[in-house]
Structures are given as C-alpha cells and as structure tokens.
C-alpha cells in the first residue's frame, strides 16, 4: 500500500479506523458521516465497484463492516481547500 496513491491510503485509514472502533463495540447501530476530499473512494463506495483491485477490496471491507455492525455510512466529499481552511485536514 505504500506505493499506492494518497487517496487510497486515506481511504484505508478511514476503513481501518472504523474497523478498530467496531472491534471495541462502539457505534453499533449508528449513523456515521465520513467527510473526505476523496471523490474517487466516494464514487467507488456508492457504485460498489472500481477498476482498482485495492480500492475495490477496501469498498468490500467497508460494506462488510456496515452489514456486520448495523450502521449506516454516509461518505461525503468535501473539497481539500475547504478542509484545510476549516482545519480538519491537518496533514495538507
């Protein structure tokens, strides 16, 4: 994954973080809003597929988490400039 594009790494971080939260038994049956400047991952999540095998595998992993933990996930695209101005994109 180190050689993958930053969008894929960012999406992996989101999925991994959710997985850890669910392992702790938190957020079961909740509605979760994820805001990211990653329109590619958002499109893959809502379409259910991607030409990229790694992105497709992450979408499947997230879909499985959604089903297993009874959550509703909203993956929302927010422009990178807006996230920087707001302060939530600390790495940029």
PDB file of N, CA and C in Angstrom:
ATOM      1  N   UNK A   1       0.825  -1.196   0.000  1.00  0.00           N
ATOM      2  CA  UNK A   1       0.000   0.000   0.000  1.00  0.00           C
ATOM      3  C   UNK A   1       0.868   1.257   0.000  1.00  0.00           C
ATOM      4  N   UNK A   2       2.127   1.161   0.441  1.00  0.00           N
ATOM      5  CA  UNK A   2       2.996   2.334   0.483  1.00  0.00           C
ATOM      6  C   UNK A   2       3.172   2.967  -0.884  1.00  0.00           C
ATOM      7  N   UNK A   3       3.081   2.163  -1.937  1.00  0.00           N
ATOM      8  CA  UNK A   3       3.291   2.673  -3.282  1.00  0.00           C
ATOM      9  C   UNK A   3       2.007   3.208  -3.913  1.00  0.00           C
ATOM     10  N   UNK A   4       0.885   3.056  -3.222  1.00  0.00           N
ATOM     11  CA  UNK A   4      -0.399   3.474  -3.771  1.00  0.00           C
ATOM     12  C   UNK A   4      -0.561   4.985  -3.646  1.00  0.00           C
ATOM     13  N   UNK A   5      -1.517   5.507  -4.364  1.00  0.00           N
ATOM     14  CA  UNK A   5      -1.799   6.936  -4.340  1.00  0.00           C
ATOM     15  C   UNK A   5      -2.359   7.363  -2.986  1.00  0.00           C
ATOM     16  N   UNK A   6      -2.256   8.644  -2.699  1.00  0.00           N
ATOM     17  CA  UNK A   6      -2.667   9.134  -1.384  1.00  0.00           C
ATOM     18  C   UNK A   6      -4.156   8.929  -1.121  1.00  0.00           C
ATOM     19  N   UNK A   7      -5.008   9.040  -2.144  1.00  0.00           N
ATOM     20  CA  UNK A   7      -6.443   8.825  -1.939  1.00  0.00           C
ATOM     21  C   UNK A   7      -6.720   7.438  -1.392  1.00  0.00           C
ATOM     22  N   UNK A   8      -6.022   6.446  -1.915  1.00  0.00           N
ATOM     23  CA  UNK A   8      -6.225   5.082  -1.453  1.00  0.00           C
ATOM     24  C   UNK A   8      -5.745   4.928  -0.013  1.00  0.00           C
ATOM     25  N   UNK A   9      -4.616   5.537   0.309  1.00  0.00           N
ATOM     26  CA  UNK A   9      -4.104   5.463   1.685  1.00  0.00           C
ATOM     27  C   UNK A   9      -5.059   6.154   2.656  1.00  0.00           C
ATOM     28  N   UNK A  10      -5.617   7.285   2.243  1.00  0.00           N
ATOM     29  CA  UNK A  10      -6.571   7.992   3.100  1.00  0.00           C
ATOM     30  C   UNK A  10      -7.824   7.149   3.332  1.00  0.00           C
ATOM     31  N   UNK A  11      -8.313   6.500   2.299  1.00  0.00           N
ATOM     32  CA  UNK A  11      -9.494   5.656   2.430  1.00  0.00           C
ATOM     33  C   UNK A  11      -9.183   4.449   3.315  1.00  0.00           C
ATOM     34  N   UNK A  12      -7.987   3.897   3.169  1.00  0.00           N
ATOM     35  CA  UNK A  12      -7.562   2.789   4.028  1.00  0.00           C
ATOM     36  C   UNK A  12      -7.562   3.229   5.491  1.00  0.00           C
ATOM     37  N   UNK A  13      -7.078   4.432   5.765  1.00  0.00           N
ATOM     38  CA  UNK A  13      -7.086   4.944   7.144  1.00  0.00           C
ATOM     39  C   UNK A  13      -8.503   5.043   7.700  1.00  0.00           C
ATOM     40  N   UNK A  14      -9.446   5.512   6.880  1.00  0.00           N
ATOM     41  CA  UNK A  14     -10.839   5.606   7.320  1.00  0.00           C
ATOM     42  C   UNK A  14     -11.408   4.228   7.644  1.00  0.00           C
ATOM     43  N   UNK A  15     -11.194   3.279   6.744  1.00  0.00           N
ATOM     44  CA  UNK A  15     -11.733   1.929   6.932  1.00  0.00           C
ATOM     45  C   UNK A  15     -11.084   1.262   8.147  1.00  0.00           C
ATOM     46  N   UNK A  16      -9.775   1.375   8.277  1.00  0.00           N
ATOM     47  CA  UNK A  16      -9.073   0.781   9.422  1.00  0.00           C
ATOM     48  C   UNK A  16      -9.546   1.382  10.745  1.00  0.00           C
ATOM     49  N   UNK A  17      -9.748   2.696  10.761  1.00  0.00           N
ATOM     50  CA  UNK A  17     -10.211   3.359  11.986  1.00  0.00           C
ATOM     51  C   UNK A  17     -11.600   2.873  12.366  1.00  0.00           C
ATOM     52  N   UNK A  18     -12.496   2.779  11.396  1.00  0.00           N
ATOM     53  CA  UNK A  18     -13.836   2.264  11.682  1.00  0.00           C
ATOM     54  C   UNK A  18     -13.771   0.829  12.190  1.00  0.00           C
ATOM     55  N   UNK A  19     -12.930   0.029  11.586  1.00  0.00           N
ATOM     56  CA  UNK A  19     -12.794  -1.370  11.999  1.00  0.00           C
ATOM     57  C   UNK A  19     -12.365  -1.452  13.473  1.00  0.00           C
ATOM     58  N   UNK A  20     -11.404  -0.640  13.873  1.00  0.00           N
ATOM     59  CA  UNK A  20     -10.936  -0.637  15.261  1.00  0.00           C
ATOM     60  C   UNK A  20     -12.026  -0.164  16.216  1.00  0.00           C
ATOM     61  N   UNK A  21     -12.778   0.842  15.804  1.00  0.00           N
ATOM     62  CA  UNK A  21     -13.876   1.344  16.639  1.00  0.00           C
ATOM     63  C   UNK A  21     -14.917   0.247  16.829  1.00  0.00           C
ATOM     64  N   UNK A  22     -15.258  -0.452  15.758  1.00  0.00           N
ATOM     65  CA  UNK A  22     -16.258  -1.507  15.849  1.00  0.00           C
ATOM     66  C   UNK A  22     -15.761  -2.682  16.684  1.00  0.00           C
ATOM     67  N   UNK A  23     -14.465  -2.983  16.609  1.00  0.00           N
ATOM     68  CA  UNK A  23     -13.904  -4.061  17.429  1.00  0.00           C
ATOM     69  C   UNK A  23     -14.075  -3.764  18.910  1.00  0.00           C
ATOM     70  N   UNK A  24     -14.057  -2.486  19.275  1.00  0.00           N
ATOM     71  CA  UNK A  24     -14.238  -2.076  20.665  1.00  0.00           C
ATOM     72  C   UNK A  24     -15.707  -2.066  21.076  1.00  0.00           C
ATOM     73  N   UNK A  25     -16.592  -2.425  20.141  1.00  0.00           N
ATOM     74  CA  UNK A  25     -18.015  -2.490  20.444  1.00  0.00           C
ATOM     75  C   UNK A  25     -18.717  -1.142  20.420  1.00  0.00           C
ATOM     76  N   UNK A  26     -18.072  -0.147  19.859  1.00  0.00           N
ATOM     77  CA  UNK A  26     -18.660   1.188  19.811  1.00  0.00           C
ATOM     78  C   UNK A  26     -19.398   1.419  18.491  1.00  0.00           C
ATOM     79  N   UNK A  27     -20.352   2.288  18.521  1.00  0.00           N
ATOM     80  CA  UNK A  27     -21.088   2.779  17.342  1.00  0.00           C
ATOM     81  C   UNK A  27     -22.010   1.763  16.685  1.00  0.00           C
ATOM     82  N   UNK A  28     -22.270   0.626  17.296  1.00  0.00           N
ATOM     83  CA  UNK A  28     -23.162  -0.368  16.705  1.00  0.00           C
ATOM     84  C   UNK A  28     -24.553   0.239  16.513  1.00  0.00           C
ATOM     85  N   UNK A  29     -25.089   0.070  15.313  1.00  0.00           N
ATOM     86  CA  UNK A  29     -26.422   0.552  15.006  1.00  0.00           C
ATOM     87  C   UNK A  29     -26.536   2.059  14.850  1.00  0.00           C
ATOM     88  N   UNK A  30     -25.442   2.736  14.577  1.00  0.00           N
ATOM     89  CA  UNK A  30     -25.461   4.195  14.459  1.00  0.00           C
ATOM     90  C   UNK A  30     -25.410   4.639  13.004  1.00  0.00           C
ATOM     91  N   UNK A  31     -25.549   5.911  12.821  1.00  0.00           N
ATOM     92  CA  UNK A  31     -25.410   6.540  11.508  1.00  0.00           C
ATOM     93  C   UNK A  31     -24.107   7.331  11.530  1.00  0.00           C
ATOM     94  N   UNK A  32     -23.213   7.051  10.568  1.00  0.00           N
ATOM     95  CA  UNK A  32     -21.877   7.640  10.567  1.00  0.00           C
ATOM     96  C   UNK A  32     -21.694   8.493   9.313  1.00  0.00           C
ATOM     97  N   UNK A  33     -21.202   9.701   9.513  1.00  0.00           N
ATOM     98  CA  UNK A  33     -20.890  10.597   8.406  1.00  0.00           C
ATOM     99  C   UNK A  33     -19.376  10.701   8.296  1.00  0.00           C
ATOM    100  N   UNK A  34     -18.836  10.340   7.145  1.00  0.00           N
ATOM    101  CA  UNK A  34     -17.410  10.447   6.873  1.00  0.00           C
ATOM    102  C   UNK A  34     -17.216  11.551   5.846  1.00  0.00           C
ATOM    103  N   UNK A  35     -16.401  12.528   6.169  1.00  0.00           N
ATOM    104  CA  UNK A  35     -16.129  13.639   5.271  1.00  0.00           C
ATOM    105  C   UNK A  35     -14.685  13.545   4.814  1.00  0.00           C
ATOM    106  N   UNK A  36     -14.475  13.530   3.506  1.00  0.00           N
ATOM    107  CA  UNK A  36     -13.125  13.402   2.960  1.00  0.00           C
ATOM    108  C   UNK A  36     -13.045  14.141   1.631  1.00  0.00           C
ATOM    109  N   UNK A  37     -11.833  14.504   1.249  1.00  0.00           N
ATOM    110  CA  UNK A  37     -11.636  15.156  -0.053  1.00  0.00           C
ATOM    111  C   UNK A  37     -11.258  14.101  -1.086  1.00  0.00           C
ATOM    112  N   UNK A  38     -11.937  12.978  -1.036  1.00  0.00           N
ATOM    113  CA  UNK A  38     -11.598  11.811  -1.834  1.00  0.00           C
ATOM    114  C   UNK A  38     -12.819  11.377  -2.656  1.00  0.00           C
ATOM    115  N   UNK A  39     -13.037  12.037  -3.789  1.00  0.00           N
ATOM    116  CA  UNK A  39     -14.219  11.738  -4.601  1.00  0.00           C
ATOM    117  C   UNK A  39     -14.123  10.366  -5.271  1.00  0.00           C
ATOM    118  N   UNK A  40     -12.913   9.872  -5.508  1.00  0.00           N
ATOM    119  CA  UNK A  40     -12.744   8.553  -6.135  1.00  0.00           C
ATOM    120  C   UNK A  40     -13.264   7.454  -5.218  1.00  0.00           C
ATOM    121  N   UNK A  41     -12.893   7.500  -3.954  1.00  0.00           N
ATOM    122  CA  UNK A  41     -13.355   6.496  -2.996  1.00  0.00           C
ATOM    123  C   UNK A  41     -14.853   6.615  -2.761  1.00  0.00           C
ATOM    124  N   UNK A  42     -15.350   7.846  -2.722  1.00  0.00           N
ATOM    125  CA  UNK A  42     -16.788   8.052  -2.556  1.00  0.00           C
ATOM    126  C   UNK A  42     -17.554   7.404  -3.708  1.00  0.00           C
ATOM    127  N   UNK A  43     -17.095   7.639  -4.927  1.00  0.00           N
ATOM    128  CA  UNK A  43     -17.760   7.054  -6.094  1.00  0.00           C
ATOM    129  C   UNK A  43     -17.700   5.533  -6.061  1.00  0.00           C
ATOM    130  N   UNK A  44     -16.550   4.986  -5.699  1.00  0.00           N
ATOM    131  CA  UNK A  44     -16.409   3.526  -5.634  1.00  0.00           C
ATOM    132  C   UNK A  44     -17.330   2.951  -4.565  1.00  0.00           C
ATOM    133  N   UNK A  45     -17.444   3.631  -3.425  1.00  0.00           N
ATOM    134  CA  UNK A  45     -18.312   3.152  -2.348  1.00  0.00           C
ATOM    135  C   UNK A  45     -19.765   3.115  -2.795  1.00  0.00           C
ATOM    136  N   UNK A  46     -20.233   4.168  -3.454  1.00  0.00           N
ATOM    137  CA  UNK A  46     -21.629   4.226  -3.856  1.00  0.00           C
ATOM    138  C   UNK A  46     -21.923   3.380  -5.091  1.00  0.00           C
ATOM    139  N   UNK A  47     -20.953   3.249  -5.996  1.00  0.00           N
ATOM    140  CA  UNK A  47     -21.155   2.397  -7.171  1.00  0.00           C
ATOM    141  C   UNK A  47     -20.971   0.921  -6.847  1.00  0.00           C
ATOM    142  N   UNK A  48     -20.185   0.646  -5.812  1.00  0.00           N
ATOM    143  CA  UNK A  48     -19.956  -0.739  -5.412  1.00  0.00           C
ATOM    144  C   UNK A  48     -18.837  -1.425  -6.159  1.00  0.00           C
ATOM    145  N   UNK A  49     -18.124  -0.693  -7.002  1.00  0.00           N
ATOM    146  CA  UNK A  49     -17.027  -1.317  -7.742  1.00  0.00           C
ATOM    147  C   UNK A  49     -16.004  -0.283  -8.169  1.00  0.00           C
ATOM    148  N   UNK A  50     -14.837  -0.801  -8.529  1.00  0.00           N
ATOM    149  CA  UNK A  50     -13.754   0.051  -9.011  1.00  0.00           C
ATOM    150  C   UNK A  50     -12.828  -0.787  -9.872  1.00  0.00           C
ATOM    151  N   UNK A  51     -12.167  -0.168 -10.838  1.00  0.00           N
ATOM    152  CA  UNK A  51     -11.192  -0.883 -11.663  1.00  0.00           C
ATOM    153  C   UNK A  51      -9.941  -1.229 -10.857  1.00  0.00           C
ATOM    154  N   UNK A  52      -9.683  -0.441  -9.803  1.00  0.00           N
ATOM    155  CA  UNK A  52      -8.541  -0.687  -8.927  1.00  0.00           C
ATOM    156  C   UNK A  52      -8.877  -1.815  -7.956  1.00  0.00           C
ATOM    157  N   UNK A  53      -8.100  -2.881  -7.972  1.00  0.00           N
ATOM    158  CA  UNK A  53      -8.354  -4.015  -7.086  1.00  0.00           C
ATOM    159  C   UNK A  53      -8.253  -3.595  -5.629  1.00  0.00           C
ATOM    160  N   UNK A  54      -7.244  -2.780  -5.287  1.00  0.00           N
ATOM    161  CA  UNK A  54      -7.085  -2.357  -3.897  1.00  0.00           C
ATOM    162  C   UNK A  54      -8.261  -1.515  -3.421  1.00  0.00           C
ATOM    163  N   UNK A  55      -8.732  -0.612  -4.263  1.00  0.00           N
ATOM    164  CA  UNK A  55      -9.873   0.212  -3.889  1.00  0.00           C
ATOM    165  C   UNK A  55     -11.130  -0.649  -3.787  1.00  0.00           C
ATOM    166  N   UNK A  56     -11.310  -1.561  -4.709  1.00  0.00           N
ATOM    167  CA  UNK A  56     -12.460  -2.462  -4.666  1.00  0.00           C
ATOM    168  C   UNK A  56     -12.451  -3.279  -3.370  1.00  0.00           C
ATOM    169  N   UNK A  57     -11.286  -3.781  -2.980  1.00  0.00           N
ATOM    170  CA  UNK A  57     -11.174  -4.571  -1.748  1.00  0.00           C
ATOM    171  C   UNK A  57     -11.530  -3.726  -0.517  1.00  0.00           C
ATOM    172  N   UNK A  58     -11.120  -2.452  -0.507  1.00  0.00           N
ATOM    173  CA  UNK A  58     -11.471  -1.570   0.605  1.00  0.00           C
ATOM    174  C   UNK A  58     -12.968  -1.285   0.651  1.00  0.00           C
ATOM    175  N   UNK A  59     -13.577  -1.108  -0.512  1.00  0.00           N
ATOM    176  CA  UNK A  59     -15.021  -0.890  -0.573  1.00  0.00           C
ATOM    177  C   UNK A  59     -15.741  -2.116  -0.015  1.00  0.00           C
ATOM    178  N   UNK A  60     -15.291  -3.312  -0.407  1.00  0.00           N
ATOM    179  CA  UNK A  60     -15.903  -4.532   0.127  1.00  0.00           C
ATOM    180  C   UNK A  60     -15.734  -4.630   1.641  1.00  0.00           C
ATOM    181  N   UNK A  61     -14.548  -4.281   2.123  1.00  0.00           N
ATOM    182  CA  UNK A  61     -14.278  -4.316   3.555  1.00  0.00           C
ATOM    183  C   UNK A  61     -15.215  -3.364   4.306  1.00  0.00           C
ATOM    184  N   UNK A  62     -15.400  -2.165   3.766  1.00  0.00           N
ATOM    185  CA  UNK A  62     -16.293  -1.197   4.401  1.00  0.00           C
ATOM    186  C   UNK A  62     -17.741  -1.662   4.336  1.00  0.00           C
ATOM    187  N   UNK A  63     -18.161  -2.198   3.200  1.00  0.00           N
ATOM    188  CA  UNK A  63     -19.537  -2.713   3.064  1.00  0.00           C
ATOM    189  C   UNK A  63     -19.795  -3.843   4.064  1.00  0.00           C
ATOM    190  N   UNK A  64     -18.802  -4.704   4.275  1.00  0.00           N
ATOM    191  CA  UNK A  64     -18.937  -5.802   5.229  1.00  0.00           C
ATOM    192  C   UNK A  64     -19.056  -5.254   6.651  1.00  0.00           C
ATOM    193  N   UNK A  65     -18.260  -4.244   6.978  1.00  0.00           N
ATOM    194  CA  UNK A  65     -18.367  -3.613   8.293  1.00  0.00           C
ATOM    195  C   UNK A  65     -19.762  -3.027   8.506  1.00  0.00           C
ATOM    196  N   UNK A  66     -20.293  -2.387   7.483  1.00  0.00           N
ATOM    197  CA  UNK A  66     -21.626  -1.793   7.553  1.00  0.00           C
ATOM    198  C   UNK A  66     -22.664  -2.873   7.854  1.00  0.00           C
ATOM    199  N   UNK A  67     -22.586  -3.977   7.140  1.00  0.00           N
ATOM    200  CA  UNK A  67     -23.559  -5.055   7.341  1.00  0.00           C
ATOM    201  C   UNK A  67     -23.382  -5.728   8.701  1.00  0.00           C
ATOM    202  N   UNK A  68     -22.138  -6.013   9.073  1.00  0.00           N
ATOM    203  CA  UNK A  68     -21.877  -6.741  10.316  1.00  0.00           C
ATOM    204  C   UNK A  68     -22.243  -5.947  11.564  1.00  0.00           C
ATOM    205  N   UNK A  69     -22.157  -4.626  11.489  1.00  0.00           N
ATOM    206  CA  UNK A  69     -22.354  -3.805  12.679  1.00  0.00           C
ATOM    207  C   UNK A  69     -23.622  -2.961  12.621  1.00  0.00           C
ATOM    208  N   UNK A  70     -24.425  -3.156  11.591  1.00  0.00           N
ATOM    209  CA  UNK A  70     -25.716  -2.489  11.513  1.00  0.00           C
ATOM    210  C   UNK A  70     -25.634  -0.977  11.507  1.00  0.00           C
ATOM    211  N   UNK A  71     -24.671  -0.439  10.778  1.00  0.00           N
ATOM    212  CA  UNK A  71     -24.517   1.011  10.716  1.00  0.00           C
ATOM    213  C   UNK A  71     -24.929   1.524   9.341  1.00  0.00           C
ATOM    214  N   UNK A  72     -25.192   2.790   9.291  1.00  0.00           N
ATOM    215  CA  UNK A  72     -25.477   3.472   8.036  1.00  0.00           C
ATOM    216  C   UNK A  72     -24.344   4.464   7.825  1.00  0.00           C
ATOM    217  N   UNK A  73     -23.606   4.329   6.724  1.00  0.00           N
ATOM    218  CA  UNK A  73     -22.451   5.184   6.450  1.00  0.00           C
ATOM    219  C   UNK A  73     -22.775   6.151   5.317  1.00  0.00           C
ATOM    220  N   UNK A  74     -22.484   7.414   5.555  1.00  0.00           N
ATOM    221  CA  UNK A  74     -22.579   8.444   4.528  1.00  0.00           C
ATOM    222  C   UNK A  74     -21.153   8.915   4.252  1.00  0.00           C
ATOM    223  N   UNK A  75     -20.665   8.653   3.070  1.00  0.00           N
ATOM    224  CA  UNK A  75     -19.328   9.102   2.682  1.00  0.00           C
ATOM    225  C   UNK A  75     -19.513  10.362   1.845  1.00  0.00           C
ATOM    226  N   UNK A  76     -19.112  11.498   2.396  1.00  0.00           N
ATOM    227  CA  UNK A  76     -19.367  12.801   1.783  1.00  0.00           C
ATOM    228  C   UNK A  76     -18.071  13.420   1.278  1.00  0.00           C
ATOM    229  N   UNK A  77     -18.126  13.972   0.087  1.00  0.00           N
ATOM    230  CA  UNK A  77     -16.956  14.644  -0.478  1.00  0.00           C
ATOM    231  C   UNK A  77     -16.954  16.109  -0.063  1.00  0.00           C
ATOM    232  N   UNK A  78     -15.809  16.552   0.441  1.00  0.00           N
ATOM    233  CA  UNK A  78     -15.596  17.950   0.784  1.00  0.00           C
ATOM    234  C   UNK A  78     -14.275  18.352   0.136  1.00  0.00           C
ATOM    235  N   UNK A  79     -14.258  19.449  -0.549  1.00  0.00           N
ATOM    236  CA  UNK A  79     -13.048  19.899  -1.234  1.00  0.00           C
ATOM    237  C   UNK A  79     -11.872  20.071  -0.283  1.00  0.00           C
ATOM    238  N   UNK A  80     -10.680  19.749  -0.764  1.00  0.00           N
ATOM    239  CA  UNK A  80      -9.473  19.833   0.049  1.00  0.00           C
ATOM    240  C   UNK A  80      -9.204  21.222   0.580  1.00  0.00           C
ATOM    241  N   UNK A  81      -9.438  22.240  -0.246  1.00  0.00           N
ATOM    242  CA  UNK A  81      -9.239  23.617   0.192  1.00  0.00           C
ATOM    243  C   UNK A  81     -10.149  23.988   1.348  1.00  0.00           C
ATOM    244  N   UNK A  82     -11.370  23.524   1.282  1.00  0.00           N
ATOM    245  CA  UNK A  82     -12.328  23.803   2.354  1.00  0.00           C
ATOM    246  C   UNK A  82     -11.916  23.094   3.642  1.00  0.00           C
ATOM    247  N   UNK A  83     -11.417  21.839   3.516  1.00  0.00           N
ATOM    248  CA  UNK A  83     -10.987  21.097   4.704  1.00  0.00           C
ATOM    249  C   UNK A  83      -9.762  21.759   5.347  1.00  0.00           C
ATOM    250  N   UNK A  84      -8.856  22.269   4.522  1.00  0.00           N
ATOM    251  CA  UNK A  84      -7.674  22.967   5.065  1.00  0.00           C
ATOM    252  C   UNK A  84      -8.099  24.237   5.800  1.00  0.00           C
ATOM    253  N   UNK A  85      -9.011  25.002   5.184  1.00  0.00           N
ATOM    254  CA  UNK A  85      -9.461  26.251   5.801  1.00  0.00           C
ATOM    255  C   UNK A  85     -10.190  25.992   7.121  1.00  0.00           C
ATOM    256  N   UNK A  86     -10.930  24.893   7.180  1.00  0.00           N
ATOM    257  CA  UNK A  86     -11.686  24.548   8.382  1.00  0.00           C
ATOM    258  C   UNK A  86     -10.766  23.975   9.454  1.00  0.00           C
ATOM    259  N   UNK A  87      -9.646  23.360   9.030  1.00  0.00           N
ATOM    260  CA  UNK A  87      -8.684  22.842   9.989  1.00  0.00           C
ATOM    261  C   UNK A  87      -8.707  21.344  10.195  1.00  0.00           C
ATOM    262  N   UNK A  88      -9.597  20.633   9.490  1.00  0.00           N
ATOM    263  CA  UNK A  88      -9.680  19.182   9.703  1.00  0.00           C
ATOM    264  C   UNK A  88      -8.707  18.403   8.841  1.00  0.00           C
ATOM    265  N   UNK A  89      -8.064  19.039   7.888  1.00  0.00           N
ATOM    266  CA  UNK A  89      -7.081  18.357   7.042  1.00  0.00           C
ATOM    267  C   UNK A  89      -5.699  18.798   7.487  1.00  0.00           C
ATOM    268  N   UNK A  90      -5.280  18.293   8.632  1.00  0.00           N
ATOM    269  CA  UNK A  90      -4.050  18.740   9.238  1.00  0.00           C
ATOM    270  C   UNK A  90      -2.781  18.321   8.530  1.00  0.00           C
ATOM    271  N   UNK A  91      -2.846  17.289   7.675  1.00  0.00           N
ATOM    272  CA  UNK A  91      -1.650  16.819   7.005  1.00  0.00           C
ATOM    273  C   UNK A  91      -1.337  17.596   5.746  1.00  0.00           C
ATOM    274  N   UNK A  92      -2.275  18.355   5.221  1.00  0.00           N
ATOM    275  CA  UNK A  92      -2.063  19.081   3.965  1.00  0.00           C
ATOM    276  C   UNK A  92      -1.416  20.424   4.213  1.00  0.00           C
TER     277      UNK A  92
END
